[in-house]
Amino acid sequence: MSGNNGNDIRRDPRIEVNAYVDYTGKEVLLFHHIENISLGGISIKSPTIEAVGTAVELVINFPEFDDSVELTGEVVWARAEDEGRMGIKFIDVDPEIKARLKLYLAKVDTFYSG
């Protein structure tokens, strides 16, 4: 993810979901709003911003489906001045986890149904 700069090219579109994320970087931070998500990463709001390049452990919670997925990510952009926002790309995603994530996204957006 590279932020909103007009040159933003992704394989998978970002969608809005009713979900939240817990993440561990320098600190453990719980229950943060996901602005949008794709199979490649997420954008979140958080009062604590990690430095670009920081590895984070993520637990994405889908309350509508009473389930969650655990992923590792890397902060690729961070904006403290923008109400605390970060873009995190998923790294080394297990195929089973990716399939579960795609299943949840397909329930929200038809792009992921195919």
PDB file of N, CA and C in Angstrom:
ATOM      1  N   MET A   1       0.839  -1.175   0.000  1.00  0.00           N
ATOM      2  CA  MET A   1       0.000   0.000   0.000  1.00  0.00           C
ATOM      3  C   MET A   1       0.874   1.224   0.000  1.00  0.00           C
ATOM      4  N   SER A   2       0.443   2.237  -0.709  1.00  0.00           N
ATOM      5  CA  SER A   2       1.297   3.410  -0.746  1.00  0.00           C
ATOM      6  C   SER A   2       0.564   4.699  -0.426  1.00  0.00           C
ATOM      7  N   GLY A   3      -0.657   4.617   0.049  1.00  0.00           N
ATOM      8  CA  GLY A   3      -1.383   5.840   0.362  1.00  0.00           C
ATOM      9  C   GLY A   3      -2.172   6.288  -0.849  1.00  0.00           C
ATOM     10  N   ASN A   4      -2.785   7.450  -0.752  1.00  0.00           N
ATOM     11  CA  ASN A   4      -3.633   7.955  -1.822  1.00  0.00           C
ATOM     12  C   ASN A   4      -2.897   9.017  -2.614  1.00  0.00           C
ATOM     13  N   ASN A   5      -2.151   8.590  -3.633  1.00  0.00           N
ATOM     14  CA  ASN A   5      -1.340   9.561  -4.356  1.00  0.00           C
ATOM     15  C   ASN A   5      -1.596   9.562  -5.847  1.00  0.00           C
ATOM     16  N   GLY A   6      -2.645   8.897  -6.318  1.00  0.00           N
ATOM     17  CA  GLY A   6      -2.936   8.901  -7.734  1.00  0.00           C
ATOM     18  C   GLY A   6      -2.158   7.864  -8.516  1.00  0.00           C
ATOM     19  N   ASN A   7      -1.019   7.415  -8.023  1.00  0.00           N
ATOM     20  CA  ASN A   7      -0.235   6.375  -8.671  1.00  0.00           C
ATOM     21  C   ASN A   7      -0.433   5.040  -7.969  1.00  0.00           C
ATOM     22  N   ASP A   8      -1.484   4.947  -7.207  1.00  0.00           N
ATOM     23  CA  ASP A   8      -1.772   3.799  -6.380  1.00  0.00           C
ATOM     24  C   ASP A   8      -2.294   2.645  -7.224  1.00  0.00           C
ATOM     25  N   ILE A   9      -1.503   1.599  -7.403  1.00  0.00           N
ATOM     26  CA  ILE A   9      -1.928   0.459  -8.194  1.00  0.00           C
ATOM     27  C   ILE A   9      -1.899  -0.777  -7.298  1.00  0.00           C
ATOM     28  N   ARG A  10      -3.048  -1.444  -7.192  1.00  0.00           N
ATOM     29  CA  ARG A  10      -3.161  -2.638  -6.367  1.00  0.00           C
ATOM     30  C   ARG A  10      -3.756  -3.760  -7.181  1.00  0.00           C
ATOM     31  N   ARG A  11      -3.391  -4.988  -6.825  1.00  0.00           N
ATOM     32  CA  ARG A  11      -3.998  -6.153  -7.474  1.00  0.00           C
ATOM     33  C   ARG A  11      -5.403  -6.372  -6.960  1.00  0.00           C
ATOM     34  N   ASP A  12      -5.645  -6.081  -5.704  1.00  0.00           N
ATOM     35  CA  ASP A  12      -6.928  -6.318  -5.062  1.00  0.00           C
ATOM     36  C   ASP A  12      -7.491  -4.999  -4.549  1.00  0.00           C
ATOM     37  N   PRO A  13      -8.761  -4.714  -4.870  1.00  0.00           N
ATOM     38  CA  PRO A  13      -9.327  -3.448  -4.397  1.00  0.00           C
ATOM     39  C   PRO A  13      -9.545  -3.448  -2.888  1.00  0.00           C
ATOM     40  N   ARG A  14      -9.437  -2.271  -2.317  1.00  0.00           N
ATOM     41  CA  ARG A  14      -9.730  -2.098  -0.898  1.00  0.00           C
ATOM     42  C   ARG A  14     -11.237  -1.995  -0.738  1.00  0.00           C
ATOM     43  N   ILE A  15     -11.740  -2.560   0.340  1.00  0.00           N
ATOM     44  CA  ILE A  15     -13.156  -2.442   0.641  1.00  0.00           C
ATOM     45  C   ILE A  15     -13.322  -2.074   2.105  1.00  0.00           C
ATOM     46  N   GLU A  16     -14.467  -1.503   2.420  1.00  0.00           N
ATOM     47  CA  GLU A  16     -14.786  -1.189   3.803  1.00  0.00           C
ATOM     48  C   GLU A  16     -15.502  -2.386   4.409  1.00  0.00           C
ATOM     49  N   VAL A  17     -15.136  -2.730   5.624  1.00  0.00           N
ATOM     50  CA  VAL A  17     -15.748  -3.859   6.320  1.00  0.00           C
ATOM     51  C   VAL A  17     -16.088  -3.447   7.745  1.00  0.00           C
ATOM     52  N   ASN A  18     -17.014  -4.182   8.326  1.00  0.00           N
ATOM     53  CA  ASN A  18     -17.338  -3.981   9.732  1.00  0.00           C
ATOM     54  C   ASN A  18     -16.422  -4.901  10.529  1.00  0.00           C
ATOM     55  N   ALA A  19     -15.210  -4.455  10.752  1.00  0.00           N
ATOM     56  CA  ALA A  19     -14.218  -5.272  11.436  1.00  0.00           C
ATOM     57  C   ALA A  19     -13.259  -4.353  12.181  1.00  0.00           C
ATOM     58  N   TYR A  20     -12.505  -4.950  13.072  1.00  0.00           N
ATOM     59  CA  TYR A  20     -11.488  -4.181  13.795  1.00  0.00           C
ATOM     60  C   TYR A  20     -10.226  -5.021  13.913  1.00  0.00           C
ATOM     61  N   VAL A  21      -9.142  -4.367  14.278  1.00  0.00           N
ATOM     62  CA  VAL A  21      -7.854  -5.048  14.346  1.00  0.00           C
ATOM     63  C   VAL A  21      -7.188  -4.780  15.693  1.00  0.00           C
ATOM     64  N   ASP A  22      -6.558  -5.805  16.207  1.00  0.00           N
ATOM     65  CA  ASP A  22      -5.634  -5.679  17.337  1.00  0.00           C
ATOM     66  C   ASP A  22      -4.253  -5.863  16.735  1.00  0.00           C
ATOM     67  N   TYR A  23      -3.287  -5.070  17.170  1.00  0.00           N
ATOM     68  CA  TYR A  23      -1.950  -5.275  16.624  1.00  0.00           C
ATOM     69  C   TYR A  23      -0.882  -5.075  17.678  1.00  0.00           C
ATOM     70  N   THR A  24       0.219  -5.765  17.454  1.00  0.00           N
ATOM     71  CA  THR A  24       1.372  -5.668  18.332  1.00  0.00           C
ATOM     72  C   THR A  24       2.555  -5.188  17.511  1.00  0.00           C
ATOM     73  N   GLY A  25       3.077  -4.037  17.884  1.00  0.00           N
ATOM     74  CA  GLY A  25       4.291  -3.487  17.307  1.00  0.00           C
ATOM     75  C   GLY A  25       5.191  -3.190  18.488  1.00  0.00           C
ATOM     76  N   LYS A  26       5.475  -1.910  18.724  1.00  0.00           N
ATOM     77  CA  LYS A  26       6.210  -1.528  19.936  1.00  0.00           C
ATOM     78  C   LYS A  26       5.325  -1.710  21.164  1.00  0.00           C
ATOM     79  N   GLU A  27       4.009  -1.558  20.956  1.00  0.00           N
ATOM     80  CA  GLU A  27       3.029  -1.706  22.021  1.00  0.00           C
ATOM     81  C   GLU A  27       1.956  -2.678  21.547  1.00  0.00           C
ATOM     82  N   VAL A  28       1.136  -3.126  22.477  1.00  0.00           N
ATOM     83  CA  VAL A  28      -0.039  -3.918  22.127  1.00  0.00           C
ATOM     84  C   VAL A  28      -1.219  -2.950  22.095  1.00  0.00           C
ATOM     85  N   LEU A  29      -1.872  -2.859  20.957  1.00  0.00           N
ATOM     86  CA  LEU A  29      -2.989  -1.936  20.800  1.00  0.00           C
ATOM     87  C   LEU A  29      -4.212  -2.719  20.339  1.00  0.00           C
ATOM     88  N   LEU A  30      -5.308  -2.508  21.031  1.00  0.00           N
ATOM     89  CA  LEU A  30      -6.494  -3.307  20.802  1.00  0.00           C
ATOM     90  C   LEU A  30      -7.636  -2.496  20.210  1.00  0.00           C
ATOM     91  N   PHE A  31      -8.465  -3.181  19.447  1.00  0.00           N
ATOM     92  CA  PHE A  31      -9.749  -2.681  18.976  1.00  0.00           C
ATOM     93  C   PHE A  31      -9.629  -1.386  18.164  1.00  0.00           C
ATOM     94  N   HIS A  32      -8.900  -1.442  17.052  1.00  0.00           N
ATOM     95  CA  HIS A  32      -8.747  -0.286  16.186  1.00  0.00           C
ATOM     96  C   HIS A  32      -9.584  -0.460  14.931  1.00  0.00           C
ATOM     97  N   HIS A  33     -10.175   0.635  14.514  1.00  0.00           N
ATOM     98  CA  HIS A  33     -11.047   0.641  13.346  1.00  0.00           C
ATOM     99  C   HIS A  33     -10.263   0.405  12.062  1.00  0.00           C
ATOM    100  N   ILE A  34     -10.748  -0.518  11.249  1.00  0.00           N
ATOM    101  CA  ILE A  34     -10.174  -0.746   9.924  1.00  0.00           C
ATOM    102  C   ILE A  34     -10.883   0.194   8.954  1.00  0.00           C
ATOM    103  N   GLU A  35     -10.126   1.076   8.317  1.00  0.00           N
ATOM    104  CA  GLU A  35     -10.721   1.964   7.322  1.00  0.00           C
ATOM    105  C   GLU A  35     -11.072   1.191   6.058  1.00  0.00           C
ATOM    106  N   ASN A  36     -10.117   0.377   5.604  1.00  0.00           N
ATOM    107  CA  ASN A  36     -10.375  -0.476   4.450  1.00  0.00           C
ATOM    108  C   ASN A  36      -9.377  -1.617   4.456  1.00  0.00           C
ATOM    109  N   ILE A  37      -9.714  -2.647   3.659  1.00  0.00           N
ATOM    110  CA  ILE A  37      -8.919  -3.866   3.656  1.00  0.00           C
ATOM    111  C   ILE A  37      -8.954  -4.488   2.270  1.00  0.00           C
ATOM    112  N   SER A  38      -7.899  -5.207   1.933  1.00  0.00           N
ATOM    113  CA  SER A  38      -7.847  -6.011   0.718  1.00  0.00           C
ATOM    114  C   SER A  38      -7.106  -7.293   1.082  1.00  0.00           C
ATOM    115  N   LEU A  39      -6.906  -8.167   0.122  1.00  0.00           N
ATOM    116  CA  LEU A  39      -6.113  -9.364   0.397  1.00  0.00           C
ATOM    117  C   LEU A  39      -4.648  -9.023   0.632  1.00  0.00           C
ATOM    118  N   GLY A  40      -4.241  -7.803   0.248  1.00  0.00           N
ATOM    119  CA  GLY A  40      -2.846  -7.413   0.378  1.00  0.00           C
ATOM    120  C   GLY A  40      -2.501  -6.593   1.598  1.00  0.00           C
ATOM    121  N   GLY A  41      -3.514  -5.991   2.263  1.00  0.00           N
ATOM    122  CA  GLY A  41      -3.201  -5.164   3.416  1.00  0.00           C
ATOM    123  C   GLY A  41      -4.394  -4.400   3.933  1.00  0.00           C
ATOM    124  N   ILE A  42      -4.135  -3.529   4.918  1.00  0.00           N
ATOM    125  CA  ILE A  42      -5.196  -2.738   5.534  1.00  0.00           C
ATOM    126  C   ILE A  42      -4.728  -1.320   5.784  1.00  0.00           C
ATOM    127  N   SER A  43      -5.710  -0.453   5.936  1.00  0.00           N
ATOM    128  CA  SER A  43      -5.492   0.907   6.406  1.00  0.00           C
ATOM    129  C   SER A  43      -6.280   1.032   7.704  1.00  0.00           C
ATOM    130  N   ILE A  44      -5.606   1.505   8.755  1.00  0.00           N
ATOM    131  CA  ILE A  44      -6.273   1.606  10.052  1.00  0.00           C
ATOM    132  C   ILE A  44      -6.067   2.985  10.661  1.00  0.00           C
ATOM    133  N   LYS A  45      -6.963   3.315  11.589  1.00  0.00           N
ATOM    134  CA  LYS A  45      -6.805   4.508  12.419  1.00  0.00           C
ATOM    135  C   LYS A  45      -6.293   4.048  13.773  1.00  0.00           C
ATOM    136  N   SER A  46      -5.306   4.772  14.295  1.00  0.00           N
ATOM    137  CA  SER A  46      -4.737   4.428  15.590  1.00  0.00           C
ATOM    138  C   SER A  46      -4.091   5.664  16.199  1.00  0.00           C
ATOM    139  N   PRO A  47      -4.276   5.889  17.488  1.00  0.00           N
ATOM    140  CA  PRO A  47      -3.615   7.036  18.120  1.00  0.00           C
ATOM    141  C   PRO A  47      -2.106   6.859  18.236  1.00  0.00           C
ATOM    142  N   THR A  48      -1.631   5.614  18.163  1.00  0.00           N
ATOM    143  CA  THR A  48      -0.207   5.333  18.214  1.00  0.00           C
ATOM    144  C   THR A  48       0.239   4.845  16.849  1.00  0.00           C
ATOM    145  N   ILE A  49       1.180   5.548  16.250  1.00  0.00           N
ATOM    146  CA  ILE A  49       1.645   5.232  14.905  1.00  0.00           C
ATOM    147  C   ILE A  49       3.014   4.562  14.985  1.00  0.00           C
ATOM    148  N   GLU A  50       3.152   3.475  14.250  1.00  0.00           N
ATOM    149  CA  GLU A  50       4.437   2.784  14.155  1.00  0.00           C
ATOM    150  C   GLU A  50       5.250   3.395  13.010  1.00  0.00           C
ATOM    151  N   ALA A  51       6.552   3.264  13.072  1.00  0.00           N
ATOM    152  CA  ALA A  51       7.429   3.767  12.018  1.00  0.00           C
ATOM    153  C   ALA A  51       7.303   2.895  10.772  1.00  0.00           C
ATOM    154  N   VAL A  52       7.462   3.517   9.605  1.00  0.00           N
ATOM    155  CA  VAL A  52       7.464   2.769   8.353  1.00  0.00           C
ATOM    156  C   VAL A  52       8.557   1.709   8.430  1.00  0.00           C
ATOM    157  N   GLY A  53       8.227   0.499   8.002  1.00  0.00           N
ATOM    158  CA  GLY A  53       9.157  -0.614   8.053  1.00  0.00           C
ATOM    159  C   GLY A  53       9.000  -1.503   9.276  1.00  0.00           C
ATOM    160  N   THR A  54       8.207  -1.063  10.254  1.00  0.00           N
ATOM    161  CA  THR A  54       7.999  -1.840  11.466  1.00  0.00           C
ATOM    162  C   THR A  54       7.143  -3.070  11.169  1.00  0.00           C
ATOM    163  N   ALA A  55       7.576  -4.222  11.650  1.00  0.00           N
ATOM    164  CA  ALA A  55       6.780  -5.442  11.542  1.00  0.00           C
ATOM    165  C   ALA A  55       5.749  -5.444  12.664  1.00  0.00           C
ATOM    166  N   VAL A  56       4.523  -5.826  12.344  1.00  0.00           N
ATOM    167  CA  VAL A  56       3.443  -5.878  13.326  1.00  0.00           C
ATOM    168  C   VAL A  56       2.712  -7.209  13.214  1.00  0.00           C
ATOM    169  N   GLU A  57       2.265  -7.694  14.344  1.00  0.00           N
ATOM    170  CA  GLU A  57       1.417  -8.887  14.392  1.00  0.00           C
ATOM    171  C   GLU A  57      -0.021  -8.397  14.468  1.00  0.00           C
ATOM    172  N   LEU A  58      -0.877  -8.924  13.615  1.00  0.00           N
ATOM    173  CA  LEU A  58      -2.252  -8.456  13.504  1.00  0.00           C
ATOM    174  C   LEU A  58      -3.232  -9.573  13.830  1.00  0.00           C
ATOM    175  N   VAL A  59      -4.319  -9.202  14.477  1.00  0.00           N
ATOM    176  CA  VAL A  59      -5.473 -10.081  14.618  1.00  0.00           C
ATOM    177  C   VAL A  59      -6.651  -9.277  14.096  1.00  0.00           C
ATOM    178  N   ILE A  60      -7.188  -9.702  12.950  1.00  0.00           N
ATOM    179  CA  ILE A  60      -8.325  -9.008  12.359  1.00  0.00           C
ATOM    180  C   ILE A  60      -9.581  -9.745  12.807  1.00  0.00           C
ATOM    181  N   ASN A  61     -10.468  -9.004  13.458  1.00  0.00           N
ATOM    182  CA  ASN A  61     -11.687  -9.568  14.029  1.00  0.00           C
ATOM    183  C   ASN A  61     -12.893  -9.193  13.180  1.00  0.00           C
ATOM    184  N   PHE A  62     -13.672 -10.200  12.824  1.00  0.00           N
ATOM    185  CA  PHE A  62     -14.886 -10.005  12.047  1.00  0.00           C
ATOM    186  C   PHE A  62     -16.079 -10.358  12.936  1.00  0.00           C
ATOM    187  N   PRO A  63     -16.613  -9.368  13.677  1.00  0.00           N
ATOM    188  CA  PRO A  63     -17.689  -9.680  14.630  1.00  0.00           C
ATOM    189  C   PRO A  63     -18.951 -10.248  13.967  1.00  0.00           C
ATOM    190  N   GLU A  64     -19.239  -9.847  12.732  1.00  0.00           N
ATOM    191  CA  GLU A  64     -20.419 -10.367  12.048  1.00  0.00           C
ATOM    192  C   GLU A  64     -20.334 -11.871  11.840  1.00  0.00           C
ATOM    193  N   PHE A  65     -19.108 -12.389  11.706  1.00  0.00           N
ATOM    194  CA  PHE A  65     -18.911 -13.809  11.436  1.00  0.00           C
ATOM    195  C   PHE A  65     -18.368 -14.545  12.656  1.00  0.00           C
ATOM    196  N   ASP A  66     -18.215 -13.820  13.767  1.00  0.00           N
ATOM    197  CA  ASP A  66     -17.720 -14.400  15.010  1.00  0.00           C
ATOM    198  C   ASP A  66     -16.419 -15.167  14.785  1.00  0.00           C
ATOM    199  N   ASP A  67     -15.478 -14.527  14.074  1.00  0.00           N
ATOM    200  CA  ASP A  67     -14.213 -15.173  13.762  1.00  0.00           C
ATOM    201  C   ASP A  67     -13.125 -14.117  13.604  1.00  0.00           C
ATOM    202  N   SER A  68     -11.883 -14.588  13.516  1.00  0.00           N
ATOM    203  CA  SER A  68     -10.756 -13.687  13.333  1.00  0.00           C
ATOM    204  C   SER A  68      -9.655 -14.414  12.566  1.00  0.00           C
ATOM    205  N   VAL A  69      -8.718 -13.624  12.014  1.00  0.00           N
ATOM    206  CA  VAL A  69      -7.539 -14.186  11.353  1.00  0.00           C
ATOM    207  C   VAL A  69      -6.303 -13.486  11.902  1.00  0.00           C
ATOM    208  N   GLU A  70      -5.217 -14.247  12.019  1.00  0.00           N
ATOM    209  CA  GLU A  70      -3.951 -13.703  12.499  1.00  0.00           C
ATOM    210  C   GLU A  70      -2.987 -13.601  11.337  1.00  0.00           C
ATOM    211  N   LEU A  71      -2.355 -12.433  11.201  1.00  0.00           N
ATOM    212  CA  LEU A  71      -1.437 -12.159  10.099  1.00  0.00           C
ATOM    213  C   LEU A  71      -0.241 -11.381  10.600  1.00  0.00           C
ATOM    214  N   THR A  72       0.822 -11.402   9.824  1.00  0.00           N
ATOM    215  CA  THR A  72       1.965 -10.531  10.056  1.00  0.00           C
ATOM    216  C   THR A  72       1.933  -9.451   8.985  1.00  0.00           C
ATOM    217  N   GLY A  73       2.284  -8.237   9.364  1.00  0.00           N
ATOM    218  CA  GLY A  73       2.291  -7.143   8.409  1.00  0.00           C
ATOM    219  C   GLY A  73       3.499  -6.249   8.588  1.00  0.00           C
ATOM    220  N   GLU A  74       3.636  -5.333   7.647  1.00  0.00           N
ATOM    221  CA  GLU A  74       4.697  -4.328   7.697  1.00  0.00           C
ATOM    222  C   GLU A  74       4.085  -2.971   7.414  1.00  0.00           C
ATOM    223  N   VAL A  75       4.397  -1.995   8.260  1.00  0.00           N
ATOM    224  CA  VAL A  75       3.902  -0.639   8.063  1.00  0.00           C
ATOM    225  C   VAL A  75       4.571  -0.061   6.824  1.00  0.00           C
ATOM    226  N   VAL A  76       3.759   0.362   5.845  1.00  0.00           N
ATOM    227  CA  VAL A  76       4.324   0.909   4.616  1.00  0.00           C
ATOM    228  C   VAL A  76       4.094   2.411   4.492  1.00  0.00           C
ATOM    229  N   TRP A  77       3.158   2.954   5.244  1.00  0.00           N
ATOM    230  CA  TRP A  77       3.007   4.396   5.358  1.00  0.00           C
ATOM    231  C   TRP A  77       2.334   4.717   6.683  1.00  0.00           C
ATOM    232  N   ALA A  78       2.633   5.902   7.206  1.00  0.00           N
ATOM    233  CA  ALA A  78       2.080   6.321   8.492  1.00  0.00           C
ATOM    234  C   ALA A  78       1.893   7.831   8.484  1.00  0.00           C
ATOM    235  N   ARG A  79       0.752   8.259   8.998  1.00  0.00           N
ATOM    236  CA  ARG A  79       0.436   9.692   9.046  1.00  0.00           C
ATOM    237  C   ARG A  79      -0.123  10.049  10.419  1.00  0.00           C
ATOM    238  N   ALA A  80       0.729  10.508  11.295  1.00  0.00           N
ATOM    239  CA  ALA A  80       0.292  10.906  12.634  1.00  0.00           C
ATOM    240  C   ALA A  80      -0.618  12.120  12.562  1.00  0.00           C
ATOM    241  N   GLU A  81      -0.359  13.018  11.607  1.00  0.00           N
ATOM    242  CA  GLU A  81      -1.130  14.256  11.505  1.00  0.00           C
ATOM    243  C   GLU A  81      -2.516  14.024  10.916  1.00  0.00           C
ATOM    244  N   ASP A  82      -2.776  12.891  10.378  1.00  0.00           N
ATOM    245  CA  ASP A  82      -4.041  12.592   9.712  1.00  0.00           C
ATOM    246  C   ASP A  82      -4.897  11.712  10.613  1.00  0.00           C
ATOM    247  N   GLU A  83      -5.167  12.183  11.832  1.00  0.00           N
ATOM    248  CA  GLU A  83      -5.933  11.458  12.841  1.00  0.00           C
ATOM    249  C   GLU A  83      -5.305  10.113  13.177  1.00  0.00           C
ATOM    250  N   GLY A  84      -4.030   9.955  12.945  1.00  0.00           N
ATOM    251  CA  GLY A  84      -3.347   8.704  13.230  1.00  0.00           C
ATOM    252  C   GLY A  84      -3.791   7.585  12.314  1.00  0.00           C
ATOM    253  N   ARG A  85      -3.181   7.502  11.152  1.00  0.00           N
ATOM    254  CA  ARG A  85      -3.527   6.475  10.171  1.00  0.00           C
ATOM    255  C   ARG A  85      -2.262   5.749   9.739  1.00  0.00           C
ATOM    256  N   MET A  86      -2.419   4.448   9.438  1.00  0.00           N
ATOM    257  CA  MET A  86      -1.304   3.644   8.943  1.00  0.00           C
ATOM    258  C   MET A  86      -1.786   2.712   7.852  1.00  0.00           C
ATOM    259  N   GLY A  87      -0.902   2.465   6.894  1.00  0.00           N
ATOM    260  CA  GLY A  87      -1.122   1.437   5.890  1.00  0.00           C
ATOM    261  C   GLY A  87      -0.192   0.285   6.191  1.00  0.00           C
ATOM    262  N   ILE A  88      -0.748  -0.915   6.251  1.00  0.00           N
ATOM    263  CA  ILE A  88       0.025  -2.103   6.594  1.00  0.00           C
ATOM    264  C   ILE A  88      -0.183  -3.145   5.509  1.00  0.00           C
ATOM    265  N   LYS A  89       0.920  -3.619   4.930  1.00  0.00           N
ATOM    266  CA  LYS A  89       0.800  -4.700   3.943  1.00  0.00           C
ATOM    267  C   LYS A  89       1.026  -6.019   4.651  1.00  0.00           C
ATOM    268  N   PHE A  90       0.266  -7.028   4.226  1.00  0.00           N
ATOM    269  CA  PHE A  90       0.420  -8.353   4.797  1.00  0.00           C
ATOM    270  C   PHE A  90       1.658  -9.013   4.209  1.00  0.00           C
ATOM    271  N   ILE A  91       2.392  -9.732   5.043  1.00  0.00           N
ATOM    272  CA  ILE A  91       3.583 -10.440   4.564  1.00  0.00           C
ATOM    273  C   ILE A  91       3.515 -11.899   5.001  1.00  0.00           C
ATOM    274  N   ASP A  92       4.072 -12.763   4.166  1.00  0.00           N
ATOM    275  CA  ASP A  92       4.148 -14.196   4.461  1.00  0.00           C
ATOM    276  C   ASP A  92       2.809 -14.774   4.911  1.00  0.00           C
ATOM    277  N   VAL A  93       1.758 -14.535   4.114  1.00  0.00           N
ATOM    278  CA  VAL A  93       0.420 -14.992   4.483  1.00  0.00           C
ATOM    279  C   VAL A  93       0.269 -16.480   4.163  1.00  0.00           C
ATOM    280  N   ASP A  94      -0.087 -17.243   5.168  1.00  0.00           N
ATOM    281  CA  ASP A  94      -0.365 -18.662   5.007  1.00  0.00           C
ATOM    282  C   ASP A  94      -1.551 -18.828   4.043  1.00  0.00           C
ATOM    283  N   PRO A  95      -1.481 -19.770   3.092  1.00  0.00           N
ATOM    284  CA  PRO A  95      -2.570 -19.949   2.122  1.00  0.00           C
ATOM    285  C   PRO A  95      -3.931 -20.200   2.774  1.00  0.00           C
ATOM    286  N   GLU A  96      -3.968 -20.917   3.887  1.00  0.00           N
ATOM    287  CA  GLU A  96      -5.239 -21.157   4.582  1.00  0.00           C
ATOM    288  C   GLU A  96      -5.818 -19.861   5.136  1.00  0.00           C
ATOM    289  N   ILE A  97      -4.957 -19.026   5.714  1.00  0.00           N
ATOM    290  CA  ILE A  97      -5.398 -17.728   6.244  1.00  0.00           C
ATOM    291  C   ILE A  97      -5.884 -16.841   5.109  1.00  0.00           C
ATOM    292  N   LYS A  98      -5.158 -16.823   3.998  1.00  0.00           N
ATOM    293  CA  LYS A  98      -5.567 -16.014   2.850  1.00  0.00           C
ATOM    294  C   LYS A  98      -6.925 -16.472   2.329  1.00  0.00           C
ATOM    295  N   ALA A  99      -7.163 -17.770   2.288  1.00  0.00           N
ATOM    296  CA  ALA A  99      -8.450 -18.299   1.828  1.00  0.00           C
ATOM    297  C   ALA A  99      -9.574 -17.873   2.776  1.00  0.00           C
ATOM    298  N   ARG A 100      -9.326 -17.911   4.079  1.00  0.00           N
ATOM    299  CA  ARG A 100     -10.342 -17.467   5.054  1.00  0.00           C
ATOM    300  C   ARG A 100     -10.608 -15.980   4.914  1.00  0.00           C
ATOM    301  N   LEU A 101      -9.554 -15.190   4.748  1.00  0.00           N
ATOM    302  CA  LEU A 101      -9.722 -13.751   4.569  1.00  0.00           C
ATOM    303  C   LEU A 101     -10.540 -13.466   3.314  1.00  0.00           C
ATOM    304  N   LYS A 102     -10.232 -14.168   2.233  1.00  0.00           N
ATOM    305  CA  LYS A 102     -10.972 -13.976   0.991  1.00  0.00           C
ATOM    306  C   LYS A 102     -12.446 -14.339   1.168  1.00  0.00           C
ATOM    307  N   LEU A 103     -12.725 -15.369   1.934  1.00  0.00           N
ATOM    308  CA  LEU A 103     -14.100 -15.770   2.209  1.00  0.00           C
ATOM    309  C   LEU A 103     -14.870 -14.643   2.890  1.00  0.00           C
ATOM    310  N   TYR A 104     -14.266 -14.021   3.893  1.00  0.00           N
ATOM    311  CA  TYR A 104     -14.915 -12.905   4.586  1.00  0.00           C
ATOM    312  C   TYR A 104     -15.121 -11.726   3.650  1.00  0.00           C
ATOM    313  N   LEU A 105     -14.096 -11.409   2.867  1.00  0.00           N
ATOM    314  CA  LEU A 105     -14.207 -10.274   1.952  1.00  0.00           C
ATOM    315  C   LEU A 105     -15.271 -10.527   0.883  1.00  0.00           C
ATOM    316  N   ALA A 106     -15.421 -11.771   0.450  1.00  0.00           N
ATOM    317  CA  ALA A 106     -16.430 -12.117  -0.561  1.00  0.00           C
ATOM    318  C   ALA A 106     -17.844 -11.898  -0.035  1.00  0.00           C
ATOM    319  N   LYS A 107     -18.029 -12.007   1.266  1.00  0.00           N
ATOM    320  CA  LYS A 107     -19.345 -11.781   1.850  1.00  0.00           C
ATOM    321  C   LYS A 107     -19.718 -10.305   1.862  1.00  0.00           C
ATOM    322  N   VAL A 108     -18.698  -9.450   1.687  1.00  0.00           N
ATOM    323  CA  VAL A 108     -18.907  -8.008   1.720  1.00  0.00           C
ATOM    324  C   VAL A 108     -18.862  -7.385   0.326  1.00  0.00           C
ATOM    325  N   ASP A 109     -18.032  -7.918  -0.551  1.00  0.00           N
ATOM    326  CA  ASP A 109     -17.832  -7.320  -1.881  1.00  0.00           C
ATOM    327  C   ASP A 109     -17.763  -8.419  -2.932  1.00  0.00           C
ATOM    328  N   THR A 110     -18.519  -8.266  -4.015  1.00  0.00           N
ATOM    329  CA  THR A 110     -18.584  -9.298  -5.057  1.00  0.00           C
ATOM    330  C   THR A 110     -17.261  -9.497  -5.793  1.00  0.00           C
ATOM    331  N   PHE A 111     -16.354  -8.517  -5.745  1.00  0.00           N
ATOM    332  CA  PHE A 111     -15.057  -8.689  -6.411  1.00  0.00           C
ATOM    333  C   PHE A 111     -14.368  -9.955  -5.895  1.00  0.00           C
ATOM    334  N   TYR A 112     -14.482 -10.221  -4.603  1.00  0.00           N
ATOM    335  CA  TYR A 112     -13.779 -11.351  -3.992  1.00  0.00           C
ATOM    336  C   TYR A 112     -14.554 -12.665  -4.102  1.00  0.00           C
ATOM    337  N   SER A 113     -15.709 -12.650  -4.746  1.00  0.00           N
ATOM    338  CA  SER A 113     -16.528 -13.864  -4.891  1.00  0.00           C
ATOM    339  C   SER A 113     -15.999 -14.795  -5.957  1.00  0.00           C
ATOM    340  N   GLY A 114     -15.258 -14.250  -6.927  1.00  0.00           N
ATOM    341  CA  GLY A 114     -14.818 -15.059  -8.076  1.00  0.00           C
ATOM    342  C   GLY A 114     -13.612 -15.880  -7.852  1.00  0.00           C
TER     343      GLY A 114
END
